[in-house]
Each structure stands twice: as structure tokens, then as C-alpha cells.
């Protein structure tokens, strides 16, 4: 089992270089596999969209909290660590044009020594996607094409693409190298996208029979696409403060390869580091 930890996002400290460096270095020293960072390009004050992972319909990130660009944050942390995996969880794919995104991700992967995992999502905040120029109602189709474009450009060879949303001829993007793409979400569409196009699934806010259904959908979609379902990873979420080995093994029995842990919101660095240390001890990492 691999254990990842989410960089604190609800408290606005992830843009503090000293704070987030200490947090990432502690996670690495304790044996966590990767640090995961979230994204909102903009948060639209007074948004009417409903956040699907809380009954209130509101996310736990304040409108005025610092939320740095995930790839630039990971590039900074790549220089502060040596082995820690660097992951997005999730990067809102429709917000990004895939051609410059391919360059940014491939550069980060090359300079970090191949430590990048690209977790993507379709986005739930219509107001944010529209501010980025993305068509909200077509975001799924557009994302499928974006993944295709990323895979082509990461080959490092001259490639052509003529799709619904993007088109280019004999484009070369280097540095080259495929980066694992994990699809986040709570829908059947997300599970099928992971099976057809991704390297893994990170279901959000799903458990029990609903979780099993999504995993089955991912495996079925992979088989239908001529891909090996066994090669796909499953990442499940839990809380840093509450996870232990017994709970992790129950998630492993559900097929999980990785547990992505959400920390308790705090701006107190000492408290955050103590929580990580206690978690690592319970999991037998240290």
C-alpha cells in the first residue's frame, strides 16, 4: 500500500514557502509516497454551482485563501525534496489548453526525475470553467480529447491532431515521456474515462456498493478498449487523523493501491507536522 498526503488547502498556507517546504520534507522523511495538491484557477465569489462532496453544496476552501497553481507549487517542491512523489489531486483539466499543459507537465516530470502523477478532474464549478473559457456542458468530451493530445505530445515525436476542439500538424513537444494520468471523480463517466484513457481512478466521496460499481465500470471500460484492467491503480481517500493500518487494509481489500490522506485544517505548522508523524507511526511507515 502506498500513502499520499494532501497539501493543506483549506487554510491558505500552501503558498507560504517555509510552511509548505517543511510539510513536504516531513512527509518525505516519514515515508509517505507522494504529496498531492489541489487546484482552483479562480474561486468565484457567490458561486451558484453545488459542490458535490458536501451536503452544504459549498467547498471548504475560503474565497480569499491562497491556492497556488498546482504545477508551479510542485515545481518548487521538487527542488526541496529528492524522492517524494509530486501529484495533482485534482488538476481541473478543462481549465487548461492541452498543448502548453503537455509542455509544463513534461518539464516538471523531467526536472523532478519522473516523480509526477497527473490527477485530473472535470470540474464542478461552472463559473470557474467559464472564466477560463471552457464550455462547461462539453467538458467531458473536451477532456477526452485533451488526454489524447497529452499522450500524443508526450511521445516527443512529430504528431498530428485534428479533433473537435484542438488541431495541429507535425507538432513536437520535448522533453518527452509519458506521465501517469489518474482520473478523479464520483461518476460512472469518470470511472469509464479512467478505464479507457487513464492509468488509475481516484473516486471522490464514494463508498460501499457505489465504489464497487465504479471500479467495475473502470475495469469493464479498460477491457472494452483492449487495455489491461490489472494495470490500473485505485486510490482511495481517508483522513490523516483517523487512518490506521486496519482501515488501510480494509481499503486494500477493496482493491486500493494507494490511500490519499486529507490533513486536519490548521495554520499551526507544529501541529500539522505532529499529525503527520503520528499518522506515519500508526501506519508503520516509521
C-alpha atoms as a PDB file:
ATOM      1  CA  UNK A   1       0.000   0.000   0.000  1.00  0.00           C
ATOM      2  CA  UNK A   2       1.188   3.499  -0.855  1.00  0.00           C
ATOM      3  CA  UNK A   3       0.247   6.505   1.267  1.00  0.00           C
ATOM      4  CA  UNK A   4      -0.084  10.011  -0.133  1.00  0.00           C
ATOM      5  CA  UNK A   5      -0.919  13.165   1.777  1.00  0.00           C
ATOM      6  CA  UNK A   6      -2.759  16.236   0.506  1.00  0.00           C
ATOM      7  CA  UNK A   7      -1.023  19.585   0.880  1.00  0.00           C
ATOM      8  CA  UNK A   8      -3.169  21.756   3.190  1.00  0.00           C
ATOM      9  CA  UNK A   9      -5.546  23.717   1.004  1.00  0.00           C
ATOM     10  CA  UNK A  10      -8.342  24.888   3.299  1.00  0.00           C
ATOM     11  CA  UNK A  11      -6.083  27.075   5.443  1.00  0.00           C
ATOM     12  CA  UNK A  12      -4.250  29.126   2.810  1.00  0.00           C
ATOM     13  CA  UNK A  13      -0.737  28.062   3.895  1.00  0.00           C
ATOM     14  CA  UNK A  14       0.321  26.215   0.756  1.00  0.00           C
ATOM     15  CA  UNK A  15       1.656  29.453  -0.760  1.00  0.00           C
ATOM     16  CA  UNK A  16       3.909  30.073   2.273  1.00  0.00           C
ATOM     17  CA  UNK A  17       7.301  28.749   1.078  1.00  0.00           C
ATOM     18  CA  UNK A  18       8.699  27.961   4.529  1.00  0.00           C
ATOM     19  CA  UNK A  19       5.471  26.306   5.731  1.00  0.00           C
ATOM     20  CA  UNK A  20       4.873  24.109   2.701  1.00  0.00           C
ATOM     21  CA  UNK A  21       8.564  23.185   2.383  1.00  0.00           C
ATOM     22  CA  UNK A  22       8.646  21.951   5.974  1.00  0.00           C
ATOM     23  CA  UNK A  23       5.423  19.997   5.418  1.00  0.00           C
ATOM     24  CA  UNK A  24       6.657  18.335   2.224  1.00  0.00           C
ATOM     25  CA  UNK A  25      10.059  17.494   3.692  1.00  0.00           C
ATOM     26  CA  UNK A  26       8.425  15.971   6.773  1.00  0.00           C
ATOM     27  CA  UNK A  27       6.126  13.862   4.584  1.00  0.00           C
ATOM     28  CA  UNK A  28       9.148  12.633   2.628  1.00  0.00           C
ATOM     29  CA  UNK A  29      11.194  11.891   5.754  1.00  0.00           C
ATOM     30  CA  UNK A  30       8.313   9.910   7.282  1.00  0.00           C
ATOM     31  CA  UNK A  31       7.951   7.676   4.239  1.00  0.00           C
ATOM     32  CA  UNK A  32       4.817   8.992   2.560  1.00  0.00           C
ATOM     33  CA  UNK A  33       4.816   8.158  -1.145  1.00  0.00           C
ATOM     34  CA  UNK A  34       3.654  11.486  -2.529  1.00  0.00           C
ATOM     35  CA  UNK A  35       2.281  14.935  -1.840  1.00  0.00           C
ATOM     36  CA  UNK A  36      -0.971  15.810  -3.591  1.00  0.00           C
ATOM     37  CA  UNK A  37      -2.018  19.360  -4.436  1.00  0.00           C
ATOM     38  CA  UNK A  38      -5.455  20.622  -5.408  1.00  0.00           C
ATOM     39  CA  UNK A  39      -6.480  23.254  -7.941  1.00  0.00           C
ATOM     40  CA  UNK A  40      -8.937  26.050  -8.446  1.00  0.00           C
ATOM     41  CA  UNK A  41      -7.674  28.521 -11.042  1.00  0.00           C
ATOM     42  CA  UNK A  42     -10.156  31.033  -9.663  1.00  0.00           C
ATOM     43  CA  UNK A  43     -12.825  30.827  -6.981  1.00  0.00           C
ATOM     44  CA  UNK A  44     -15.859  32.846  -7.985  1.00  0.00           C
ATOM     45  CA  UNK A  45     -17.349  34.668  -5.029  1.00  0.00           C
ATOM     46  CA  UNK A  46     -21.009  33.820  -4.551  1.00  0.00           C
ATOM     47  CA  UNK A  47     -20.885  30.839  -6.930  1.00  0.00           C
ATOM     48  CA  UNK A  48     -24.196  29.098  -7.524  1.00  0.00           C
ATOM     49  CA  UNK A  49     -22.728  25.729  -8.543  1.00  0.00           C
ATOM     50  CA  UNK A  50     -23.158  22.950  -5.986  1.00  0.00           C
ATOM     51  CA  UNK A  51     -20.055  21.301  -4.556  1.00  0.00           C
ATOM     52  CA  UNK A  52     -20.835  17.573  -4.890  1.00  0.00           C
ATOM     53  CA  UNK A  53     -18.775  16.314  -1.939  1.00  0.00           C
ATOM     54  CA  UNK A  54     -20.528  18.106   0.923  1.00  0.00           C
ATOM     55  CA  UNK A  55     -24.208  18.226   1.813  1.00  0.00           C
ATOM     56  CA  UNK A  56     -23.984  22.013   2.137  1.00  0.00           C
ATOM     57  CA  UNK A  57     -23.080  22.351  -1.535  1.00  0.00           C
ATOM     58  CA  UNK A  58     -20.132  24.526  -0.501  1.00  0.00           C
ATOM     59  CA  UNK A  59     -16.466  23.544  -0.557  1.00  0.00           C
ATOM     60  CA  UNK A  60     -14.229  24.062   2.460  1.00  0.00           C
ATOM     61  CA  UNK A  61     -11.812  26.430   0.727  1.00  0.00           C
ATOM     62  CA  UNK A  62     -12.335  30.094   1.557  1.00  0.00           C
ATOM     63  CA  UNK A  63     -12.813  32.580  -1.264  1.00  0.00           C
ATOM     64  CA  UNK A  64      -9.827  34.615  -0.071  1.00  0.00           C
ATOM     65  CA  UNK A  65      -7.469  31.741   0.774  1.00  0.00           C
ATOM     66  CA  UNK A  66      -4.178  31.335  -1.092  1.00  0.00           C
ATOM     67  CA  UNK A  67      -4.389  28.464  -3.559  1.00  0.00           C
ATOM     68  CA  UNK A  68      -1.247  28.396  -5.731  1.00  0.00           C
ATOM     69  CA  UNK A  69      -1.004  26.998  -9.238  1.00  0.00           C
ATOM     70  CA  UNK A  70      -0.504  23.253  -8.682  1.00  0.00           C
ATOM     71  CA  UNK A  71       2.255  22.668 -11.237  1.00  0.00           C
ATOM     72  CA  UNK A  72       4.261  25.671 -10.120  1.00  0.00           C
ATOM     73  CA  UNK A  73       3.854  24.620  -6.484  1.00  0.00           C
ATOM     74  CA  UNK A  74       5.032  21.107  -7.340  1.00  0.00           C
ATOM     75  CA  UNK A  75       7.977  22.504  -9.315  1.00  0.00           C
ATOM     76  CA  UNK A  76       9.003  24.494  -6.239  1.00  0.00           C
ATOM     77  CA  UNK A  77       8.653  21.424  -4.010  1.00  0.00           C
ATOM     78  CA  UNK A  78      10.598  19.269  -6.471  1.00  0.00           C
ATOM     79  CA  UNK A  79      13.600  21.419  -5.621  1.00  0.00           C
ATOM     80  CA  UNK A  80      13.024  20.976  -1.883  1.00  0.00           C
ATOM     81  CA  UNK A  81      12.729  17.171  -1.936  1.00  0.00           C
ATOM     82  CA  UNK A  82      14.508  14.245  -3.550  1.00  0.00           C
ATOM     83  CA  UNK A  83      12.189  11.216  -3.638  1.00  0.00           C
ATOM     84  CA  UNK A  84       8.702  12.429  -2.729  1.00  0.00           C
ATOM     85  CA  UNK A  85       6.123  11.878  -5.464  1.00  0.00           C
ATOM     86  CA  UNK A  86       4.516  15.028  -6.857  1.00  0.00           C
ATOM     87  CA  UNK A  87       0.836  14.720  -7.721  1.00  0.00           C
ATOM     88  CA  UNK A  88      -2.154  16.846  -8.599  1.00  0.00           C
ATOM     89  CA  UNK A  89      -5.415  15.808  -6.987  1.00  0.00           C
ATOM     90  CA  UNK A  90      -7.011  17.105  -8.980  1.00  0.00           C
ATOM     91  CA  UNK A  91      -5.957  19.465 -11.745  1.00  0.00           C
ATOM     92  CA  UNK A  92      -9.137  20.741 -13.405  1.00  0.00           C
ATOM     93  CA  UNK A  93      -8.360  19.649 -16.927  1.00  0.00           C
ATOM     94  CA  UNK A  94     -10.945  21.733 -18.858  1.00  0.00           C
ATOM     95  CA  UNK A  95      -9.303  24.898 -17.492  1.00  0.00           C
ATOM     96  CA  UNK A  96      -6.130  24.187 -19.493  1.00  0.00           C
ATOM     97  CA  UNK A  97      -5.196  24.154 -23.166  1.00  0.00           C
ATOM     98  CA  UNK A  98      -3.551  20.728 -23.599  1.00  0.00           C
ATOM     99  CA  UNK A  99      -0.625  21.858 -25.762  1.00  0.00           C
ATOM    100  CA  UNK A 100       1.053  24.187 -23.234  1.00  0.00           C
ATOM    101  CA  UNK A 101      -0.107  21.860 -20.464  1.00  0.00           C
ATOM    102  CA  UNK A 102       1.768  18.978 -22.090  1.00  0.00           C
ATOM    103  CA  UNK A 103       4.942  21.072 -22.058  1.00  0.00           C
ATOM    104  CA  UNK A 104       4.503  22.147 -18.425  1.00  0.00           C
ATOM    105  CA  UNK A 105       3.840  18.641 -17.122  1.00  0.00           C
ATOM    106  CA  UNK A 106       6.617  17.021 -19.169  1.00  0.00           C
ATOM    107  CA  UNK A 107       9.104  19.650 -17.990  1.00  0.00           C
ATOM    108  CA  UNK A 108       8.171  19.065 -14.362  1.00  0.00           C
ATOM    109  CA  UNK A 109       8.435  15.307 -14.829  1.00  0.00           C
ATOM    110  CA  UNK A 110      11.870  15.578 -16.435  1.00  0.00           C
ATOM    111  CA  UNK A 111      13.331  18.011 -13.903  1.00  0.00           C
ATOM    112  CA  UNK A 112      11.960  16.069 -10.925  1.00  0.00           C
ATOM    113  CA  UNK A 113      13.328  12.744 -12.126  1.00  0.00           C
ATOM    114  CA  UNK A 114       9.983  11.255 -13.121  1.00  0.00           C
ATOM    115  CA  UNK A 115       8.154  11.876  -9.851  1.00  0.00           C
ATOM    116  CA  UNK A 116       4.929  13.309 -11.321  1.00  0.00           C
ATOM    117  CA  UNK A 117       1.426  11.828 -11.243  1.00  0.00           C
ATOM    118  CA  UNK A 118      -1.219  13.902 -13.018  1.00  0.00           C
ATOM    119  CA  UNK A 119      -4.560  13.580 -11.268  1.00  0.00           C
ATOM    120  CA  UNK A 120      -7.305  15.224 -13.319  1.00  0.00           C
ATOM    121  CA  UNK A 121     -10.951  16.127 -12.851  1.00  0.00           C
ATOM    122  CA  UNK A 122     -13.682  17.665 -14.971  1.00  0.00           C
ATOM    123  CA  UNK A 123     -14.549  20.434 -12.519  1.00  0.00           C
ATOM    124  CA  UNK A 124     -17.857  21.169 -10.813  1.00  0.00           C
ATOM    125  CA  UNK A 125     -17.806  24.984 -10.583  1.00  0.00           C
ATOM    126  CA  UNK A 126     -19.389  26.217 -13.798  1.00  0.00           C
ATOM    127  CA  UNK A 127     -18.397  29.804 -13.031  1.00  0.00           C
ATOM    128  CA  UNK A 128     -14.707  28.845 -12.797  1.00  0.00           C
ATOM    129  CA  UNK A 129     -14.630  26.884 -16.042  1.00  0.00           C
ATOM    130  CA  UNK A 130     -16.428  29.633 -17.911  1.00  0.00           C
ATOM    131  CA  UNK A 131     -13.944  32.198 -16.551  1.00  0.00           C
ATOM    132  CA  UNK A 132     -11.204  30.015 -18.076  1.00  0.00           C
ATOM    133  CA  UNK A 133     -13.015  29.893 -21.420  1.00  0.00           C
ATOM    134  CA  UNK A 134     -14.032  26.224 -21.155  1.00  0.00           C
ATOM    135  CA  UNK A 135     -17.513  25.069 -22.250  1.00  0.00           C
ATOM    136  CA  UNK A 136     -18.976  23.555 -19.084  1.00  0.00           C
ATOM    137  CA  UNK A 137     -21.521  21.294 -20.768  1.00  0.00           C
ATOM    138  CA  UNK A 138     -18.906  19.897 -23.175  1.00  0.00           C
ATOM    139  CA  UNK A 139     -16.152  19.464 -20.598  1.00  0.00           C
ATOM    140  CA  UNK A 140     -16.231  15.662 -20.708  1.00  0.00           C
ATOM    141  CA  UNK A 141     -15.796  15.413 -24.478  1.00  0.00           C
ATOM    142  CA  UNK A 142     -13.174  18.115 -24.379  1.00  0.00           C
ATOM    143  CA  UNK A 143     -11.270  16.339 -21.606  1.00  0.00           C
ATOM    144  CA  UNK A 144     -11.206  13.072 -23.530  1.00  0.00           C
ATOM    145  CA  UNK A 145      -9.621  14.908 -26.426  1.00  0.00           C
ATOM    146  CA  UNK A 146      -7.230  16.726 -24.093  1.00  0.00           C
ATOM    147  CA  UNK A 147      -5.951  13.397 -22.756  1.00  0.00           C
ATOM    148  CA  UNK A 148      -5.433  12.195 -26.327  1.00  0.00           C
ATOM    149  CA  UNK A 149      -3.455  15.358 -27.120  1.00  0.00           C
ATOM    150  CA  UNK A 150      -1.298  15.000 -23.998  1.00  0.00           C
ATOM    151  CA  UNK A 151      -0.453  11.388 -24.805  1.00  0.00           C
ATOM    152  CA  UNK A 152       0.474  12.275 -28.387  1.00  0.00           C
ATOM    153  CA  UNK A 153       2.689  15.200 -27.448  1.00  0.00           C
ATOM    154  CA  UNK A 154       4.449  13.303 -24.665  1.00  0.00           C
ATOM    155  CA  UNK A 155       5.735  10.870 -27.314  1.00  0.00           C
ATOM    156  CA  UNK A 156       8.272  13.510 -28.327  1.00  0.00           C
ATOM    157  CA  UNK A 157       7.696  12.664 -31.989  1.00  0.00           C
ATOM    158  CA  UNK A 158       6.115  14.858 -34.699  1.00  0.00           C
ATOM    159  CA  UNK A 159       2.372  14.299 -34.275  1.00  0.00           C
ATOM    160  CA  UNK A 160      -0.837  15.395 -35.952  1.00  0.00           C
ATOM    161  CA  UNK A 161      -4.197  16.006 -34.348  1.00  0.00           C
ATOM    162  CA  UNK A 162      -7.478  17.097 -35.897  1.00  0.00           C
ATOM    163  CA  UNK A 163     -10.255  16.970 -33.312  1.00  0.00           C
ATOM    164  CA  UNK A 164     -13.417  18.742 -32.262  1.00  0.00           C
ATOM    165  CA  UNK A 165     -11.598  21.216 -30.019  1.00  0.00           C
ATOM    166  CA  UNK A 166      -7.893  21.137 -30.961  1.00  0.00           C
ATOM    167  CA  UNK A 167      -5.909  20.818 -34.171  1.00  0.00           C
ATOM    168  CA  UNK A 168      -2.215  20.869 -35.109  1.00  0.00           C
ATOM    169  CA  UNK A 169       0.169  19.306 -37.631  1.00  0.00           C
ATOM    170  CA  UNK A 170       3.649  17.819 -37.075  1.00  0.00           C
ATOM    171  CA  UNK A 171       3.955  19.290 -33.581  1.00  0.00           C
ATOM    172  CA  UNK A 172       6.939  18.233 -31.456  1.00  0.00           C
ATOM    173  CA  UNK A 173       6.910  18.679 -27.674  1.00  0.00           C
ATOM    174  CA  UNK A 174      10.061  17.934 -25.692  1.00  0.00           C
ATOM    175  CA  UNK A 175      11.197  16.921 -23.131  1.00  0.00           C
ATOM    176  CA  UNK A 176       9.287  13.726 -23.816  1.00  0.00           C
ATOM    177  CA  UNK A 177       7.992  10.935 -21.614  1.00  0.00           C
ATOM    178  CA  UNK A 178       4.584   9.620 -20.671  1.00  0.00           C
ATOM    179  CA  UNK A 179       3.188  10.757 -17.306  1.00  0.00           C
ATOM    180  CA  UNK A 180       0.603   8.645 -15.455  1.00  0.00           C
ATOM    181  CA  UNK A 181      -2.884  10.163 -15.573  1.00  0.00           C
ATOM    182  CA  UNK A 182      -5.324   9.356 -12.783  1.00  0.00           C
ATOM    183  CA  UNK A 183      -8.963  10.367 -13.126  1.00  0.00           C
ATOM    184  CA  UNK A 184     -10.741  11.783 -10.107  1.00  0.00           C
ATOM    185  CA  UNK A 185     -14.485  11.983  -9.648  1.00  0.00           C
ATOM    186  CA  UNK A 186     -17.597  10.297  -8.346  1.00  0.00           C
ATOM    187  CA  UNK A 187     -19.424   9.440 -11.561  1.00  0.00           C
ATOM    188  CA  UNK A 188     -19.678   6.472 -13.881  1.00  0.00           C
ATOM    189  CA  UNK A 189     -18.301   8.711 -16.624  1.00  0.00           C
ATOM    190  CA  UNK A 190     -15.146   9.311 -14.564  1.00  0.00           C
ATOM    191  CA  UNK A 191     -14.674   5.576 -13.981  1.00  0.00           C
ATOM    192  CA  UNK A 192     -15.113   4.796 -17.658  1.00  0.00           C
ATOM    193  CA  UNK A 193     -12.711   7.577 -18.618  1.00  0.00           C
ATOM    194  CA  UNK A 194     -10.113   6.090 -16.269  1.00  0.00           C
ATOM    195  CA  UNK A 195     -10.590   2.674 -17.871  1.00  0.00           C
ATOM    196  CA  UNK A 196     -10.431   3.911 -21.464  1.00  0.00           C
ATOM    197  CA  UNK A 197      -7.776   6.574 -21.181  1.00  0.00           C
ATOM    198  CA  UNK A 198      -6.204   6.749 -17.729  1.00  0.00           C
ATOM    199  CA  UNK A 199      -3.728   4.936 -15.532  1.00  0.00           C
ATOM    200  CA  UNK A 200      -5.899   4.933 -12.439  1.00  0.00           C
ATOM    201  CA  UNK A 201      -9.022   6.145 -10.669  1.00  0.00           C
ATOM    202  CA  UNK A 202      -9.397   8.262  -7.545  1.00  0.00           C
ATOM    203  CA  UNK A 203     -13.075   8.097  -6.579  1.00  0.00           C
ATOM    204  CA  UNK A 204     -14.161  11.090  -4.528  1.00  0.00           C
ATOM    205  CA  UNK A 205     -16.853  10.836  -1.866  1.00  0.00           C
ATOM    206  CA  UNK A 206     -17.839   7.282  -2.870  1.00  0.00           C
ATOM    207  CA  UNK A 207     -18.002   4.139  -0.713  1.00  0.00           C
ATOM    208  CA  UNK A 208     -19.664   0.733  -0.424  1.00  0.00           C
ATOM    209  CA  UNK A 209     -21.619  -0.598  -3.382  1.00  0.00           C
ATOM    210  CA  UNK A 210     -21.219   2.691  -5.251  1.00  0.00           C
ATOM    211  CA  UNK A 211     -17.441   2.351  -5.043  1.00  0.00           C
ATOM    212  CA  UNK A 212     -17.528  -1.262  -6.223  1.00  0.00           C
ATOM    213  CA  UNK A 213     -19.720  -0.216  -9.138  1.00  0.00           C
ATOM    214  CA  UNK A 214     -17.230   2.447 -10.208  1.00  0.00           C
ATOM    215  CA  UNK A 215     -14.295   0.038 -10.024  1.00  0.00           C
ATOM    216  CA  UNK A 216     -16.233  -2.497 -12.092  1.00  0.00           C
ATOM    217  CA  UNK A 217     -17.030   0.223 -14.638  1.00  0.00           C
ATOM    218  CA  UNK A 218     -13.356   1.175 -14.882  1.00  0.00           C
ATOM    219  CA  UNK A 219     -12.276  -2.430 -15.411  1.00  0.00           C
ATOM    220  CA  UNK A 220     -15.025  -3.091 -17.938  1.00  0.00           C
ATOM    221  CA  UNK A 221     -14.166   0.047 -19.920  1.00  0.00           C
ATOM    222  CA  UNK A 222     -10.496  -0.937 -19.933  1.00  0.00           C
ATOM    223  CA  UNK A 223     -11.301  -4.410 -21.259  1.00  0.00           C
ATOM    224  CA  UNK A 224     -13.574  -2.972 -23.943  1.00  0.00           C
ATOM    225  CA  UNK A 225     -10.725  -0.672 -25.026  1.00  0.00           C
ATOM    226  CA  UNK A 226      -8.273  -3.568 -25.248  1.00  0.00           C
ATOM    227  CA  UNK A 227      -6.372  -2.450 -22.161  1.00  0.00           C
ATOM    228  CA  UNK A 228      -5.299  -4.478 -19.122  1.00  0.00           C
ATOM    229  CA  UNK A 229      -7.587  -3.694 -16.154  1.00  0.00           C
ATOM    230  CA  UNK A 230      -4.997  -5.071 -13.749  1.00  0.00           C
ATOM    231  CA  UNK A 231      -2.547  -2.340 -14.791  1.00  0.00           C
ATOM    232  CA  UNK A 232      -4.823   0.417 -13.458  1.00  0.00           C
ATOM    233  CA  UNK A 233      -4.400   1.797  -9.947  1.00  0.00           C
ATOM    234  CA  UNK A 234      -7.133   2.665  -7.452  1.00  0.00           C
ATOM    235  CA  UNK A 235      -6.559   5.483  -4.949  1.00  0.00           C
ATOM    236  CA  UNK A 236      -8.987   5.873  -2.044  1.00  0.00           C
ATOM    237  CA  UNK A 237      -9.258   8.738   0.410  1.00  0.00           C
ATOM    238  CA  UNK A 238      -9.179   8.929   4.202  1.00  0.00           C
ATOM    239  CA  UNK A 239      -8.275  11.387   6.949  1.00  0.00           C
ATOM    240  CA  UNK A 240      -4.727  11.769   8.267  1.00  0.00           C
ATOM    241  CA  UNK A 241      -6.031  11.912  11.838  1.00  0.00           C
ATOM    242  CA  UNK A 242      -8.176   8.780  11.639  1.00  0.00           C
ATOM    243  CA  UNK A 243      -6.471   6.273   9.381  1.00  0.00           C
ATOM    244  CA  UNK A 244      -4.655   3.280  10.814  1.00  0.00           C
ATOM    245  CA  UNK A 245      -3.289   0.016   9.453  1.00  0.00           C
ATOM    246  CA  UNK A 246      -6.551  -1.863   9.954  1.00  0.00           C
ATOM    247  CA  UNK A 247      -8.525   0.718   7.977  1.00  0.00           C
ATOM    248  CA  UNK A 248      -5.858   0.789   5.276  1.00  0.00           C
ATOM    249  CA  UNK A 249      -6.031  -2.994   4.937  1.00  0.00           C
ATOM    250  CA  UNK A 250      -9.801  -2.802   4.526  1.00  0.00           C
ATOM    251  CA  UNK A 251      -9.251  -0.373   1.665  1.00  0.00           C
ATOM    252  CA  UNK A 252      -6.645  -2.715   0.213  1.00  0.00           C
ATOM    253  CA  UNK A 253      -9.270  -5.474   0.276  1.00  0.00           C
ATOM    254  CA  UNK A 254     -11.427  -3.217  -1.910  1.00  0.00           C
ATOM    255  CA  UNK A 255      -8.585  -3.074  -4.427  1.00  0.00           C
ATOM    256  CA  UNK A 256      -6.862   0.132  -3.319  1.00  0.00           C
ATOM    257  CA  UNK A 257      -3.225   0.597  -4.294  1.00  0.00           C
ATOM    258  CA  UNK A 258      -2.911   3.977  -2.595  1.00  0.00           C
ATOM    259  CA  UNK A 259      -4.561   5.881   0.265  1.00  0.00           C
ATOM    260  CA  UNK A 260      -4.729   9.659  -0.220  1.00  0.00           C
ATOM    261  CA  UNK A 261      -4.899  11.297   3.195  1.00  0.00           C
ATOM    262  CA  UNK A 262      -6.536  14.628   3.973  1.00  0.00           C
ATOM    263  CA  UNK A 263      -4.982  16.557   6.898  1.00  0.00           C
ATOM    264  CA  UNK A 264      -6.840  18.383   9.642  1.00  0.00           C
ATOM    265  CA  UNK A 265      -7.145  22.087   8.718  1.00  0.00           C
ATOM    266  CA  UNK A 266      -4.659  24.159  10.701  1.00  0.00           C
ATOM    267  CA  UNK A 267      -2.227  27.010  10.212  1.00  0.00           C
ATOM    268  CA  UNK A 268      -0.087  25.707  13.104  1.00  0.00           C
ATOM    269  CA  UNK A 269       2.914  24.082  11.436  1.00  0.00           C
ATOM    270  CA  UNK A 270       3.974  22.208  14.578  1.00  0.00           C
ATOM    271  CA  UNK A 271       0.501  20.699  14.937  1.00  0.00           C
ATOM    272  CA  UNK A 272       0.438  19.720  11.254  1.00  0.00           C
ATOM    273  CA  UNK A 273       3.849  18.030  11.477  1.00  0.00           C
ATOM    274  CA  UNK A 274       2.883  16.234  14.695  1.00  0.00           C
ATOM    275  CA  UNK A 275      -0.254  14.913  12.988  1.00  0.00           C
ATOM    276  CA  UNK A 276       1.809  13.572  10.083  1.00  0.00           C
ATOM    277  CA  UNK A 277       4.273  11.936  12.460  1.00  0.00           C
ATOM    278  CA  UNK A 278       1.533  10.246  14.470  1.00  0.00           C
ATOM    279  CA  UNK A 279      -0.126   9.020  11.263  1.00  0.00           C
ATOM    280  CA  UNK A 280       3.130   7.560   9.946  1.00  0.00           C
ATOM    281  CA  UNK A 281       3.633   5.764  13.248  1.00  0.00           C
ATOM    282  CA  UNK A 282       0.138   4.222  13.172  1.00  0.00           C
ATOM    283  CA  UNK A 283       0.705   3.053   9.597  1.00  0.00           C
ATOM    284  CA  UNK A 284       4.100   1.584  10.368  1.00  0.00           C
ATOM    285  CA  UNK A 285       5.933   3.919   7.991  1.00  0.00           C
ATOM    286  CA  UNK A 286       8.499   4.946  10.621  1.00  0.00           C
END
